Each structure stands twice: as structure tokens, then as C-alpha cells.
C-alpha atoms as a PDB file:
ATOM      1  CA  GLU A   1     122.786  40.978  69.529  1.00  0.00           C
ATOM      2  CA  TYR A   2     125.150  38.087  70.205  1.00  0.00           C
ATOM      3  CA  VAL A   3     124.843  34.707  71.958  1.00  0.00           C
ATOM      4  CA  ASP A   4     128.132  33.420  73.361  1.00  0.00           C
ATOM      5  CA  LEU A   5     129.345  29.827  73.657  1.00  0.00           C
ATOM      6  CA  ARG A   6     127.710  29.520  77.075  1.00  0.00           C
ATOM      7  CA  GLY A   7     124.354  30.500  75.635  1.00  0.00           C
ATOM      8  CA  GLN A   8     124.353  33.928  77.276  1.00  0.00           C
ATOM      9  CA  ARG A   9     122.694  36.646  75.252  1.00  0.00           C
ATOM     10  CA  TRP A  10     124.375  40.041  74.842  1.00  0.00           C
ATOM     11  CA  GLU A  11     123.215  43.250  73.213  1.00  0.00           C
ATOM     12  CA  LEU A  12     126.054  45.184  71.565  1.00  0.00           C
ATOM     13  CA  GLN A  13     126.101  48.970  71.610  1.00  0.00           C
ATOM     14  CA  LEU A  14     128.537  51.531  70.260  1.00  0.00           C
ATOM     15  CA  LYS A  15     129.223  54.645  72.304  1.00  0.00           C
ATOM     16  CA  GLY A  16     130.820  57.584  70.526  1.00  0.00           C
ATOM     17  CA  SER A  17     130.281  56.403  66.950  1.00  0.00           C
ATOM     18  CA  GLY A  18     128.438  59.543  65.842  1.00  0.00           C
ATOM     19  CA  ARG A  19     125.009  61.110  65.776  1.00  0.00           C
ATOM     20  CA  THR A  20     121.875  59.038  66.309  1.00  0.00           C
ATOM     21  CA  PRO A  21     118.185  60.042  66.543  1.00  0.00           C
ATOM     22  CA  TYR A  22     118.809  60.383  70.305  1.00  0.00           C
ATOM     23  CA  SER A  23     121.854  62.665  70.123  1.00  0.00           C
ATOM     24  CA  ARG A  24     119.725  65.804  70.503  1.00  0.00           C
ATOM     25  CA  ARG A  25     122.118  68.742  70.087  1.00  0.00           C
ATOM     26  CA  GLY A  26     125.259  66.668  70.643  1.00  0.00           C
ATOM     27  CA  ASP A  27     127.711  65.349  68.065  1.00  0.00           C
ATOM     28  CA  GLY A  28     127.451  61.757  69.248  1.00  0.00           C
ATOM     29  CA  ARG A  29     131.187  61.438  69.838  1.00  0.00           C
ATOM     30  CA  ALA A  30     132.993  60.313  72.984  1.00  0.00           C
ATOM     31  CA  VAL A  31     136.421  61.542  74.027  1.00  0.00           C
ATOM     32  CA  LEU A  32     139.253  59.118  74.722  1.00  0.00           C
ATOM     33  CA  ARG A  33     139.523  59.843  78.474  1.00  0.00           C
ATOM     34  CA  SER A  34     135.839  59.049  79.138  1.00  0.00           C
ATOM     35  CA  SER A  35     136.025  55.946  76.940  1.00  0.00           C
ATOM     36  CA  LEU A  36     138.991  54.567  78.860  1.00  0.00           C
ATOM     37  CA  ARG A  37     137.280  55.429  82.155  1.00  0.00           C
ATOM     38  CA  GLU A  38     134.222  53.412  81.159  1.00  0.00           C
ATOM     39  CA  PHE A  39     136.345  50.474  80.031  1.00  0.00           C
ATOM     40  CA  LEU A  40     138.345  50.361  83.261  1.00  0.00           C
ATOM     41  CA  ALA A  41     135.465  51.116  85.619  1.00  0.00           C
ATOM     42  CA  SER A  42     133.023  48.601  84.166  1.00  0.00           C
ATOM     43  CA  GLU A  43     135.656  45.864  84.347  1.00  0.00           C
ATOM     44  CA  ALA A  44     136.539  46.866  87.904  1.00  0.00           C
ATOM     45  CA  MET A  45     132.876  46.795  88.909  1.00  0.00           C
ATOM     46  CA  PHE A  46     132.422  43.368  87.330  1.00  0.00           C
ATOM     47  CA  HIS A  47     135.328  41.912  89.276  1.00  0.00           C
ATOM     48  CA  LEU A  48     134.098  43.606  92.461  1.00  0.00           C
ATOM     49  CA  GLY A  49     130.884  41.622  92.065  1.00  0.00           C
ATOM     50  CA  VAL A  50     128.706  44.603  91.115  1.00  0.00           C
ATOM     51  CA  PRO A  51     126.094  43.910  88.389  1.00  0.00           C
ATOM     52  CA  THR A  52     127.255  45.898  85.365  1.00  0.00           C
ATOM     53  CA  SER A  53     127.492  46.291  81.638  1.00  0.00           C
ATOM     54  CA  ARG A  54     130.956  45.645  80.241  1.00  0.00           C
ATOM     55  CA  ALA A  55     133.211  47.230  77.637  1.00  0.00           C
ATOM     56  CA  ALA A  56     134.531  44.809  75.023  1.00  0.00           C
ATOM     57  CA  THR A  57     136.836  47.114  73.071  1.00  0.00           C
ATOM     58  CA  VAL A  58     137.939  50.728  72.722  1.00  0.00           C
ATOM     59  CA  ALA A  59     138.851  51.974  69.237  1.00  0.00           C
ATOM     60  CA  VAL A  60     140.799  55.239  69.134  1.00  0.00           C
ATOM     61  CA  SER A  61     140.039  57.784  66.415  1.00  0.00           C
ATOM     62  CA  GLU A  62     142.207  60.552  65.006  1.00  0.00           C
ATOM     63  CA  GLU A  63     139.197  62.862  64.995  1.00  0.00           C
ATOM     64  CA  GLN A  64     139.139  65.566  67.644  1.00  0.00           C
ATOM     65  CA  VAL A  65     136.231  67.421  69.226  1.00  0.00           C
ATOM     66  CA  TRP A  66     135.868  70.421  71.493  1.00  0.00           C
ATOM     67  CA  ARG A  67     134.963  69.566  75.097  1.00  0.00           C
ATOM     68  CA  ASP A  68     134.668  71.655  78.257  1.00  0.00           C
ATOM     69  CA  GLN A  69     135.683  68.977  80.770  1.00  0.00           C
ATOM     70  CA  PHE A  70     135.016  70.987  83.918  1.00  0.00           C
ATOM     71  CA  TYR A  71     132.197  73.174  82.568  1.00  0.00           C
ATOM     72  CA  ASP A  72     134.233  76.245  83.455  1.00  0.00           C
ATOM     73  CA  GLY A  73     134.265  77.951  80.079  1.00  0.00           C
ATOM     74  CA  HIS A  74     137.640  76.567  78.974  1.00  0.00           C
ATOM     75  CA  PRO A  75     136.966  73.983  76.230  1.00  0.00           C
ATOM     76  CA  LYS A  76     139.818  72.244  74.475  1.00  0.00           C
ATOM     77  CA  LEU A  77     140.295  69.821  71.599  1.00  0.00           C
ATOM     78  CA  GLU A  78     140.366  66.175  72.649  1.00  0.00           C
ATOM     79  CA  LYS A  79     140.955  62.914  70.826  1.00  0.00           C
ATOM     80  CA  THR A  80     137.863  60.719  70.356  1.00  0.00           C
ATOM     81  CA  ALA A  81     137.202  56.995  70.656  1.00  0.00           C
ATOM     82  CA  VAL A  82     134.427  54.448  70.204  1.00  0.00           C
ATOM     83  CA  VAL A  83     133.528  51.944  72.928  1.00  0.00           C
ATOM     84  CA  LEU A  84     131.882  48.634  72.100  1.00  0.00           C
ATOM     85  CA  ARG A  85     129.934  47.908  75.250  1.00  0.00           C
ATOM     86  CA  VAL A  86     127.803  44.882  76.000  1.00  0.00           C
ATOM     87  CA  ALA A  87     124.928  44.076  78.346  1.00  0.00           C
ATOM     88  CA  PRO A  88     122.120  41.514  78.471  1.00  0.00           C
ATOM     89  CA  SER A  89     119.781  44.421  77.703  1.00  0.00           C
ATOM     90  CA  TRP A  90     119.994  48.186  77.318  1.00  0.00           C
ATOM     91  CA  PHE A  91     116.342  48.837  78.166  1.00  0.00           C
ATOM     92  CA  ARG A  92     115.951  51.297  81.014  1.00  0.00           C
ATOM     93  CA  ILE A  93     113.183  52.489  83.301  1.00  0.00           C
ATOM     94  CA  GLY A  94     113.117  55.540  81.050  1.00  0.00           C
ATOM     95  CA  SER A  95     112.347  53.287  78.060  1.00  0.00           C
ATOM     96  CA  LEU A  96     108.938  52.584  79.608  1.00  0.00           C
ATOM     97  CA  GLU A  97     108.481  56.042  81.096  1.00  0.00           C
ATOM     98  CA  ILE A  98     108.696  57.792  77.715  1.00  0.00           C
ATOM     99  CA  LEU A  99     106.047  55.485  76.227  1.00  0.00           C
ATOM    100  CA  HIS A 100     103.779  56.061  79.211  1.00  0.00           C
ATOM    101  CA  ARG A 101     104.137  59.823  78.956  1.00  0.00           C
ATOM    102  CA  SER A 102     103.337  59.795  75.234  1.00  0.00           C
ATOM    103  CA  GLY A 103     100.278  57.578  75.785  1.00  0.00           C
ATOM    104  CA  GLU A 104     101.664  54.703  73.703  1.00  0.00           C
ATOM    105  CA  HIS A 105     100.268  52.047  76.019  1.00  0.00           C
ATOM    106  CA  ALA A 106      99.964  49.294  73.408  1.00  0.00           C
ATOM    107  CA  LEU A 107     103.624  49.686  72.483  1.00  0.00           C
ATOM    108  CA  LEU A 108     104.553  49.799  76.163  1.00  0.00           C
ATOM    109  CA  ARG A 109     102.783  46.485  76.757  1.00  0.00           C
ATOM    110  CA  GLU A 110     104.558  45.020  73.727  1.00  0.00           C
ATOM    111  CA  LEU A 111     107.926  46.135  75.094  1.00  0.00           C
ATOM    112  CA  VAL A 112     107.195  44.760  78.578  1.00  0.00           C
ATOM    113  CA  ASP A 113     106.123  41.447  77.018  1.00  0.00           C
ATOM    114  CA  LEU A 114     109.406  41.356  75.091  1.00  0.00           C
ATOM    115  CA  ILE A 115     111.351  41.932  78.319  1.00  0.00           C
ATOM    116  CA  LEU A 116     109.363  39.193  80.041  1.00  0.00           C
ATOM    117  CA  ASP A 117     109.902  36.687  77.226  1.00  0.00           C
ATOM    118  CA  THR A 118     113.591  37.487  76.795  1.00  0.00           C
ATOM    119  CA  HIS A 119     114.809  37.933  80.366  1.00  0.00           C
ATOM    120  CA  PHE A 120     112.105  36.744  82.776  1.00  0.00           C
ATOM    121  CA  PRO A 121     110.198  33.871  81.117  1.00  0.00           C
ATOM    122  CA  HIS A 122     109.814  32.199  84.534  1.00  0.00           C
ATOM    123  CA  LEU A 123     107.530  35.063  85.585  1.00  0.00           C
ATOM    124  CA  ARG A 124     104.972  34.386  82.834  1.00  0.00           C
ATOM    125  CA  GLY A 125     101.523  33.510  84.148  1.00  0.00           C
ATOM    126  CA  PRO A 126      99.112  34.999  86.689  1.00  0.00           C
ATOM    127  CA  MET A 127     100.162  38.423  87.998  1.00  0.00           C
ATOM    128  CA  GLN A 128     103.128  38.394  85.591  1.00  0.00           C
ATOM    129  CA  TYR A 129     103.409  42.190  85.353  1.00  0.00           C
ATOM    130  CA  HIS A 130     103.236  42.557  89.111  1.00  0.00           C
ATOM    131  CA  LYS A 131     105.922  39.922  89.560  1.00  0.00           C
ATOM    132  CA  LEU A 132     108.094  41.675  86.976  1.00  0.00           C
ATOM    133  CA  PHE A 133     107.669  45.020  88.715  1.00  0.00           C
ATOM    134  CA  SER A 134     108.545  43.520  92.097  1.00  0.00           C
ATOM    135  CA  THR A 135     111.607  41.800  90.623  1.00  0.00           C
ATOM    136  CA  ILE A 136     112.913  45.017  89.048  1.00  0.00           C
ATOM    137  CA  VAL A 137     112.347  46.967  92.277  1.00  0.00           C
ATOM    138  CA  ASN A 138     114.298  44.353  94.253  1.00  0.00           C
ATOM    139  CA  MET A 139     117.143  44.226  91.711  1.00  0.00           C
ATOM    140  CA  THR A 140     117.359  48.019  91.746  1.00  0.00           C
ATOM    141  CA  ALA A 141     117.608  48.062  95.540  1.00  0.00           C
ATOM    142  CA  GLN A 142     120.310  45.383  95.490  1.00  0.00           C
ATOM    143  CA  LEU A 143     122.263  47.221  92.783  1.00  0.00           C
ATOM    144  CA  VAL A 144     122.329  50.486  94.740  1.00  0.00           C
ATOM    145  CA  ALA A 145     123.398  48.553  97.851  1.00  0.00           C
ATOM    146  CA  HIS A 146     126.399  47.279  95.884  1.00  0.00           C
ATOM    147  CA  TRP A 147     127.225  50.822  94.803  1.00  0.00           C
ATOM    148  CA  GLN A 148     127.173  52.042  98.389  1.00  0.00           C
ATOM    149  CA  ALA A 149     129.317  49.148  99.595  1.00  0.00           C
ATOM    150  CA  VAL A 150     132.138  49.795  97.110  1.00  0.00           C
ATOM    151  CA  GLY A 151     132.002  53.590  97.429  1.00  0.00           C
ATOM    152  CA  PHE A 152     130.737  54.177  93.880  1.00  0.00           C
ATOM    153  CA  ALA A 153     128.768  57.264  92.874  1.00  0.00           C
ATOM    154  CA  HIS A 154     127.110  57.029  89.455  1.00  0.00           C
ATOM    155  CA  GLY A 155     126.793  60.755  88.879  1.00  0.00           C
ATOM    156  CA  VAL A 156     123.563  60.816  86.816  1.00  0.00           C
ATOM    157  CA  CYS A 157     120.895  58.640  88.433  1.00  0.00           C
ATOM    158  CA  ASN A 158     117.866  59.541  86.327  1.00  0.00           C
ATOM    159  CA  THR A 159     115.450  56.931  84.959  1.00  0.00           C
ATOM    160  CA  ASP A 160     117.256  56.892  81.609  1.00  0.00           C
ATOM    161  CA  ASN A 161     120.361  55.575  83.376  1.00  0.00           C
ATOM    162  CA  PHE A 162     118.686  52.879  85.482  1.00  0.00           C
ATOM    163  CA  SER A 163     118.542  49.464  83.854  1.00  0.00           C
ATOM    164  CA  LEU A 164     115.438  47.267  83.901  1.00  0.00           C
ATOM    165  CA  LEU A 165     117.785  44.370  84.703  1.00  0.00           C
ATOM    166  CA  GLY A 166     119.364  45.957  87.764  1.00  0.00           C
ATOM    167  CA  ILE A 167     122.823  46.434  86.266  1.00  0.00           C
ATOM    168  CA  THR A 168     125.132  49.471  86.185  1.00  0.00           C
ATOM    169  CA  ILE A 169     124.941  51.216  82.816  1.00  0.00           C
ATOM    170  CA  ASP A 170     126.035  54.496  81.235  1.00  0.00           C
ATOM    171  CA  TYR A 171     129.320  55.294  82.921  1.00  0.00           C
ATOM    172  CA  GLY A 172     129.541  59.056  82.597  1.00  0.00           C
ATOM    173  CA  PRO A 173     130.605  61.456  85.384  1.00  0.00           C
ATOM    174  CA  PHE A 174     130.943  58.628  87.933  1.00  0.00           C
ATOM    175  CA  GLY A 175     133.523  58.374  90.670  1.00  0.00           C
ATOM    176  CA  PHE A 176     134.861  56.164  93.454  1.00  0.00           C
ATOM    177  CA  MET A 177     135.289  57.887  96.794  1.00  0.00           C
ATOM    178  CA  ASP A 178     138.737  58.498  98.211  1.00  0.00           C
ATOM    179  CA  SER A 179     138.188  60.028 101.653  1.00  0.00           C
ATOM    180  CA  TYR A 180     134.768  58.987 102.899  1.00  0.00           C
ATOM    181  CA  ASP A 181     132.220  61.713 102.267  1.00  0.00           C
ATOM    182  CA  ALA A 182     128.514  60.894 102.369  1.00  0.00           C
ATOM    183  CA  ASP A 183     127.837  63.988 100.254  1.00  0.00           C
ATOM    184  CA  TYR A 184     130.390  63.072  97.596  1.00  0.00           C
ATOM    185  CA  VAL A 185     129.327  64.296  94.124  1.00  0.00           C
ATOM    186  CA  PRO A 186     131.525  63.238  91.171  1.00  0.00           C
ATOM    187  CA  ASN A 187     129.512  65.175  88.585  1.00  0.00           C
ATOM    188  CA  THR A 188     130.845  68.730  88.404  1.00  0.00           C
ATOM    189  CA  SER A 189     127.580  69.923  86.825  1.00  0.00           C
ATOM    190  CA  ASP A 190     125.479  68.623  89.758  1.00  0.00           C
ATOM    191  CA  ASP A 191     125.652  71.820  91.776  1.00  0.00           C
ATOM    192  CA  GLN A 192     122.763  70.861  94.071  1.00  0.00           C
ATOM    193  CA  GLY A 193     124.124  67.398  94.905  1.00  0.00           C
ATOM    194  CA  ARG A 194     120.955  65.764  93.613  1.00  0.00           C
ATOM    195  CA  TYR A 195     122.814  62.557  92.806  1.00  0.00           C
ATOM    196  CA  SER A 196     125.265  62.589  95.686  1.00  0.00           C
ATOM    197  CA  PHE A 197     126.545  59.334  97.143  1.00  0.00           C
ATOM    198  CA  SER A 198     124.167  59.459 100.113  1.00  0.00           C
ATOM    199  CA  ASN A 199     121.164  60.241  97.887  1.00  0.00           C
ATOM    200  CA  GLN A 200     121.582  57.170  95.677  1.00  0.00           C
ATOM    201  CA  PRO A 201     119.405  54.821  97.771  1.00  0.00           C
ATOM    202  CA  HIS A 202     116.555  57.354  97.727  1.00  0.00           C
ATOM    203  CA  THR A 203     117.056  57.920  93.991  1.00  0.00           C
ATOM    204  CA  GLY A 204     116.703  54.195  93.391  1.00  0.00           C
ATOM    205  CA  LEU A 205     113.364  54.283  95.229  1.00  0.00           C
ATOM    206  CA  TYR A 206     112.257  57.379  93.299  1.00  0.00           C
ATOM    207  CA  ASN A 207     113.059  55.698  89.990  1.00  0.00           C
ATOM    208  CA  SER A 208     111.151  52.602  91.126  1.00  0.00           C
ATOM    209  CA  GLN A 209     108.148  54.850  91.795  1.00  0.00           C
ATOM    210  CA  LYS A 210     108.463  56.188  88.257  1.00  0.00           C
ATOM    211  CA  LEU A 211     108.531  52.608  86.996  1.00  0.00           C
ATOM    212  CA  MET A 212     105.260  51.903  88.825  1.00  0.00           C
ATOM    213  CA  GLU A 213     103.712  54.958  87.198  1.00  0.00           C
ATOM    214  CA  ALA A 214     104.936  53.861  83.768  1.00  0.00           C
ATOM    215  CA  MET A 215     103.532  50.344  84.250  1.00  0.00           C
ATOM    216  CA  GLY A 216     100.312  51.664  85.779  1.00  0.00           C
ATOM    217  CA  HIS A 217      98.049  50.316  83.007  1.00  0.00           C
ATOM    218  CA  LEU A 218      99.559  46.861  83.457  1.00  0.00           C
ATOM    219  CA  LEU A 219      99.398  46.933  87.259  1.00  0.00           C
ATOM    220  CA  ARG A 220      95.934  48.412  87.715  1.00  0.00           C
ATOM    221  CA  GLU A 221      94.345  45.029  88.498  1.00  0.00           C
ATOM    222  CA  ASP A 222      96.009  45.227  91.901  1.00  0.00           C
ATOM    223  CA  LEU A 223      97.767  48.522  92.528  1.00  0.00           C
ATOM    224  CA  GLU A 224      97.864  47.801  96.259  1.00  0.00           C
ATOM    225  CA  TRP A 225     100.005  44.718  95.551  1.00  0.00           C
ATOM    226  CA  ALA A 226     102.397  46.839  93.477  1.00  0.00           C
ATOM    227  CA  GLN A 227     102.511  49.493  96.197  1.00  0.00           C
ATOM    228  CA  THR A 228     103.466  46.841  98.747  1.00  0.00           C
ATOM    229  CA  ALA A 229     106.288  45.696  96.459  1.00  0.00           C
ATOM    230  CA  LEU A 230     107.484  49.301  96.228  1.00  0.00           C
ATOM    231  CA  TYR A 231     107.380  49.688 100.014  1.00  0.00           C
ATOM    232  CA  GLY A 232     109.635  46.624 100.199  1.00  0.00           C
ATOM    233  CA  TYR A 233     112.469  48.501  98.473  1.00  0.00           C
ATOM    234  CA  ALA A 234     113.951  49.805 101.730  1.00  0.00           C
ATOM    235  CA  ALA A 235     113.976  46.385 103.386  1.00  0.00           C
ATOM    236  CA  VAL A 236     115.661  44.775 100.369  1.00  0.00           C
ATOM    237  CA  PHE A 237     118.255  47.549 100.210  1.00  0.00           C
ATOM    238  CA  ASN A 238     119.034  47.411 103.936  1.00  0.00           C
ATOM    239  CA  LYS A 239     119.333  43.625 103.937  1.00  0.00           C
ATOM    240  CA  GLU A 240     121.701  43.564 100.960  1.00  0.00           C
ATOM    241  CA  TYR A 241     123.742  46.525 102.164  1.00  0.00           C
ATOM    242  CA  LEU A 242     124.246  45.061 105.643  1.00  0.00           C
ATOM    243  CA  HIS A 243     125.177  41.707 104.096  1.00  0.00           C
ATOM    244  CA  LEU A 244     127.860  43.381 101.967  1.00  0.00           C
ATOM    245  CA  MET A 245     129.163  45.490 104.856  1.00  0.00           C
ATOM    246  CA  ARG A 246     129.385  42.423 107.111  1.00  0.00           C
ATOM    247  CA  GLN A 247     131.547  40.839 104.439  1.00  0.00           C
ATOM    248  CA  LYS A 248     133.749  43.939 104.376  1.00  0.00           C
ATOM    249  CA  LEU A 249     134.130  43.674 108.169  1.00  0.00           C
ATOM    250  CA  GLY A 250     134.789  39.917 108.144  1.00  0.00           C
ATOM    251  CA  LEU A 251     131.514  38.994 109.862  1.00  0.00           C
ATOM    252  CA  ALA A 252     129.770  35.822 108.727  1.00  0.00           C
ATOM    253  CA  THR A 253     126.949  35.956 111.265  1.00  0.00           C
ATOM    254  CA  GLU A 254     124.152  38.464 111.789  1.00  0.00           C
ATOM    255  CA  ASP A 255     123.689  40.581 114.885  1.00  0.00           C
ATOM    256  CA  GLU A 256     121.279  43.396 115.674  1.00  0.00           C
ATOM    257  CA  ARG A 257     124.291  45.556 116.583  1.00  0.00           C
ATOM    258  CA  ASP A 258     125.739  45.410 113.067  1.00  0.00           C
ATOM    259  CA  GLU A 259     123.889  48.364 111.584  1.00  0.00           C
ATOM    260  CA  GLY A 260     125.042  50.613 114.411  1.00  0.00           C
ATOM    261  CA  LEU A 261     128.574  49.288 114.068  1.00  0.00           C
ATOM    262  CA  VAL A 262     128.638  50.223 110.372  1.00  0.00           C
ATOM    263  CA  ILE A 263     127.057  53.644 110.918  1.00  0.00           C
ATOM    264  CA  ARG A 264     129.535  54.513 113.676  1.00  0.00           C
ATOM    265  CA  LEU A 265     132.480  53.485 111.515  1.00  0.00           C
ATOM    266  CA  LEU A 266     131.282  55.601 108.593  1.00  0.00           C
ATOM    267  CA  ASP A 267     130.725  58.554 110.915  1.00  0.00           C
ATOM    268  CA  LEU A 268     134.295  58.184 112.175  1.00  0.00           C
ATOM    269  CA  MET A 269     135.621  57.945 108.633  1.00  0.00           C
ATOM    270  CA  GLN A 270     133.713  61.076 107.647  1.00  0.00           C
ATOM    271  CA  ALA A 271     134.993  63.035 110.645  1.00  0.00           C
ATOM    272  CA  ALA A 272     138.584  61.859 110.197  1.00  0.00           C
ATOM    273  CA  GLN A 273     138.452  62.078 106.379  1.00  0.00           C
ATOM    274  CA  ALA A 274     139.804  58.541 106.236  1.00  0.00           C
ATOM    275  CA  ASP A 275     140.123  56.797 102.886  1.00  0.00           C
ATOM    276  CA  TYR A 276     137.095  54.550 102.334  1.00  0.00           C
ATOM    277  CA  THR A 277     138.630  51.704 100.358  1.00  0.00           C
ATOM    278  CA  MET A 278     141.968  51.594 102.168  1.00  0.00           C
ATOM    279  CA  THR A 279     140.415  51.693 105.642  1.00  0.00           C
ATOM    280  CA  PHE A 280     138.688  48.380 105.002  1.00  0.00           C
ATOM    281  CA  ARG A 281     141.718  46.929 103.233  1.00  0.00           C
ATOM    282  CA  GLU A 282     144.054  47.799 106.088  1.00  0.00           C
ATOM    283  CA  LEU A 283     141.546  46.462 108.626  1.00  0.00           C
ATOM    284  CA  SER A 284     141.708  43.171 106.738  1.00  0.00           C
ATOM    285  CA  GLU A 285     145.494  42.920 107.041  1.00  0.00           C
ATOM    286  CA  VAL A 286     145.922  43.219 110.812  1.00  0.00           C
ATOM    287  CA  SER A 287     144.577  41.231 113.738  1.00  0.00           C
ATOM    288  CA  VAL A 288     142.238  42.728 116.302  1.00  0.00           C
ATOM    289  CA  SER A 289     144.972  42.444 118.936  1.00  0.00           C
ATOM    290  CA  GLU A 290     147.321  44.474 116.733  1.00  0.00           C
ATOM    291  CA  LEU A 291     144.612  47.106 116.417  1.00  0.00           C
ATOM    292  CA  GLN A 292     144.100  47.183 120.164  1.00  0.00           C
ATOM    293  CA  CYS A 293     147.834  47.486 120.782  1.00  0.00           C
ATOM    294  CA  ASP A 294     148.104  50.183 118.107  1.00  0.00           C
ATOM    295  CA  THR A 295     150.901  48.290 116.354  1.00  0.00           C
ATOM    296  CA  LEU A 296     150.181  49.166 112.755  1.00  0.00           C
ATOM    297  CA  PRO A 297     152.687  48.797 109.923  1.00  0.00           C
ATOM    298  CA  ALA A 298     154.570  51.990 109.141  1.00  0.00           C
ATOM    299  CA  SER A 299     153.318  51.853 105.542  1.00  0.00           C
ATOM    300  CA  TYR A 300     149.673  52.272 106.584  1.00  0.00           C
ATOM    301  CA  TRP A 301     148.065  55.656 105.998  1.00  0.00           C
ATOM    302  CA  ALA A 302     144.280  55.165 106.204  1.00  0.00           C
ATOM    303  CA  LEU A 303     143.898  53.459 109.589  1.00  0.00           C
ATOM    304  CA  PRO A 304     146.356  55.770 111.388  1.00  0.00           C
ATOM    305  CA  THR A 305     144.170  58.695 110.341  1.00  0.00           C
ATOM    306  CA  LEU A 306     141.137  56.957 111.804  1.00  0.00           C
ATOM    307  CA  CYS A 307     142.946  55.919 114.984  1.00  0.00           C
ATOM    308  CA  GLN A 308     143.553  59.566 115.871  1.00  0.00           C
ATOM    309  CA  HIS A 309     139.840  60.194 116.315  1.00  0.00           C
ATOM    310  CA  PRO A 310     138.867  60.317 120.014  1.00  0.00           C
ATOM    311  CA  GLN A 311     135.964  57.886 119.497  1.00  0.00           C
ATOM    312  CA  TRP A 312     138.082  55.270 117.740  1.00  0.00           C
ATOM    313  CA  PRO A 313     138.813  53.236 120.933  1.00  0.00           C
ATOM    314  CA  GLN A 314     135.087  52.948 121.634  1.00  0.00           C
ATOM    315  CA  TRP A 315     134.338  51.695 118.123  1.00  0.00           C
ATOM    316  CA  LEU A 316     137.278  49.289 118.258  1.00  0.00           C
ATOM    317  CA  MET A 317     135.953  47.837 121.515  1.00  0.00           C
ATOM    318  CA  LEU A 318     132.559  47.206 119.880  1.00  0.00           C
ATOM    319  CA  TYR A 319     134.186  45.700 116.806  1.00  0.00           C
ATOM    320  CA  ALA A 320     136.452  43.437 118.867  1.00  0.00           C
ATOM    321  CA  SER A 321     133.435  42.170 120.794  1.00  0.00           C
ATOM    322  CA  ARG A 322     131.546  41.526 117.571  1.00  0.00           C
ATOM    323  CA  VAL A 323     134.503  39.710 115.996  1.00  0.00           C
ATOM    324  CA  TYR A 324     134.834  37.542 119.101  1.00  0.00           C
ATOM    325  CA  SER A 325     131.160  36.524 119.003  1.00  0.00           C
ATOM    326  CA  ASN A 326     131.491  35.820 115.278  1.00  0.00           C
ATOM    327  CA  HIS A 327     134.497  33.574 115.934  1.00  0.00           C
ATOM    328  CA  LEU A 328     132.574  31.632 118.581  1.00  0.00           C
ATOM    329  CA  ALA A 329     129.611  31.077 116.268  1.00  0.00           C
ATOM    330  CA  THR A 330     131.648  30.073 113.202  1.00  0.00           C
ATOM    331  CA  SER A 331     134.906  28.664 114.574  1.00  0.00           C
ATOM    332  CA  TYR A 332     136.660  31.386 112.575  1.00  0.00           C
ATOM    333  CA  SER A 333     140.253  32.150 113.416  1.00  0.00           C
ATOM    334  CA  GLU A 334     141.723  35.609 112.996  1.00  0.00           C
ATOM    335  CA  GLY A 335     143.484  34.319 109.911  1.00  0.00           C
ATOM    336  CA  ILE A 336     140.195  33.248 108.327  1.00  0.00           C
ATOM    337  CA  ARG A 337     138.577  36.583 109.193  1.00  0.00           C
ATOM    338  CA  MET A 338     141.426  38.448 107.569  1.00  0.00           C
ATOM    339  CA  GLN A 339     141.331  36.209 104.518  1.00  0.00           C
ATOM    340  CA  LYS A 340     137.575  36.698 104.102  1.00  0.00           C
ATOM    341  CA  MET A 341     137.936  40.437 104.525  1.00  0.00           C
ATOM    342  CA  GLN A 342     140.704  40.645 101.963  1.00  0.00           C
ATOM    343  CA  SER A 343     138.485  38.850  99.436  1.00  0.00           C
ATOM    344  CA  ALA A 344     135.752  41.431 100.064  1.00  0.00           C
ATOM    345  CA  ASN A 345     138.176  44.357 100.057  1.00  0.00           C
ATOM    346  CA  PRO A 346     140.643  43.917  97.179  1.00  0.00           C
END
């Protein structure tokens, strides 16, 4: 572990350095392509404002290993690397779940107390375990909302890959959507789409349920209180997600129409197979009047695809009305809206 000059505590972890007691049948090595992907993606997520672990360095090895990248029966030799990755903690929901399943309740309490003392000392006191559970549930909901807003699919959303601190960890078969597809699955081994993009919010809730089961002995004084905190997951997710999507649309105020506005846009993007990231970016670079007059720059390629959909004019009318009401409430100009949108859609 390491404490930086600002007093922030980091746990250091090596990925790909060789076999450990947790390697099971694997060789414990990581190939260069996946190591570079983790380095680039975790830094991108950090600068996009998504809670995440980070990669400090990548060391390339001359050693090669056999890997079947696409699980199609055609393995090949690949160069390996070691990633030094850092996070405030590497404890996961699965860290508690495995102790619960093995009946090691005393050790589980000791671990939860360590997490409280290290990361949540302000929660110490009456109902401390309930407060911790509620905090983790809320952070999990907010994390998944960030994933959905930036078009990120983790790929393997089991409890072993969900942090107790609500940060993105274990970059494996992840992906960022190109054309918007609610059923996008970046993991080629996920044939059933269990961890598809659209399933991530539900998976976050499922993993929170597993956390409640794992902490059951600590929460039994008031299980109804814990259940209420779990039921609050959806509200926390929806609030955070709508907040992030309003930012992506340049809206600083709240309106009951916003959820429908977002859903309609995503439906249009799905039908038109419009690029997710570039649709928002191009929306941020033109005024509403330019959109209404269909005077888009010749270099654009995402919005023109969307504009061909027959329901685009109807959505644009709703968006223009919403932008106008936002301008009245905030004294925003079109220039400010575009500037705010560009900050939210780099």
C-alpha cells in the first residue's frame, strides 16, 4: 500500500505477474494487448469522471503464452506484460460473499470492520453496518449509471468484479459502444448476453442483493431497514443517470419530460444504428436552429444517420422546446449550452 503526497491511500496490485493462490488453472500471465487496453481504458474512464481504478505502469515481457482471443479454437502465441494498477481498495462484494458462504462470520466481521475503519470511519457508531451497506448500494447504483452514460459495458459483472467502494475494477472483456445497441455484449464468451449493456443496472442490483446476504449476520438487527436501502437502488440509479444524461444534452434544469426525451433519443439511435458517442458530440457542436434547418457540416457522420429516421423531426421538436425552457430558467445562451455539452461529451 502507498500513501501519496496528498495523503490519499492506494493499494498496489500486479496483474499478469504469474501464478497466485487464486489463479486456479490459469498461468497468471496477461497478454500485452489486454494490458494496454486496461491502461488506456482506466485512464479514459478517470478523465470521463467515472469512478475507477487506474494503471500506473505497463512492463512488457519477452515471455509468450498461448491465448485463444476469440474462443474459436485458434490459439496463438502472444507477448505478455505486467500492469501495476492502483485503487483505494481491491476488496469486492465477492470478498464478503465467499466468507459468508464458507461460514467464516467472525472473519467477515473483521474484514467489514477493517473496511469501515479504513474507508468509512465517519459511519462508525449506531447502525454502522446498515449505514455501510446503504452507502455501498448507493455507490454501486451511481457507478453503473456512469457506465450507462458513457456507453461502457464491463463484460463480466459478477460479484468478484464489483468493488465495495463503487469504482470500476478488473478491466477484462469490456467495450465502449460504437453504434448504439442496448443489447451490446463485448465479451465473446457471454453467449446468453447475461452481462449485456442493458442488463448492467439490474446486475448492479443483483450484486447488491448478494451483498445483503453476505452481510446478513451484521444486518439482522434490522433487516427491514437494509431491505429499504436495497429498494432505494433504482431511485439512486435513475436520479444519477438522468443527471448525467441531462449534462450530455446540455440541460441544467430538471423537467418531468426528460426521461422520455432520453428514452426516445436512444430508441432512435438504436433504430438508425447511430454512433452513441459521436451523436452527442455532434449535437454539442451545432445550434438548435442549425439542426432544425438541417444545415449540418459535411464532415458529420453520426447525426446525418439519425436525421434520416422518420421520427427525428418529432424528437427534435421536443428537444428544441426543452432547450428553450432551459435557456429561460438559466439565462443560458446557445453558446453556453454547446460549451457545457462539449465538456460532457469529449
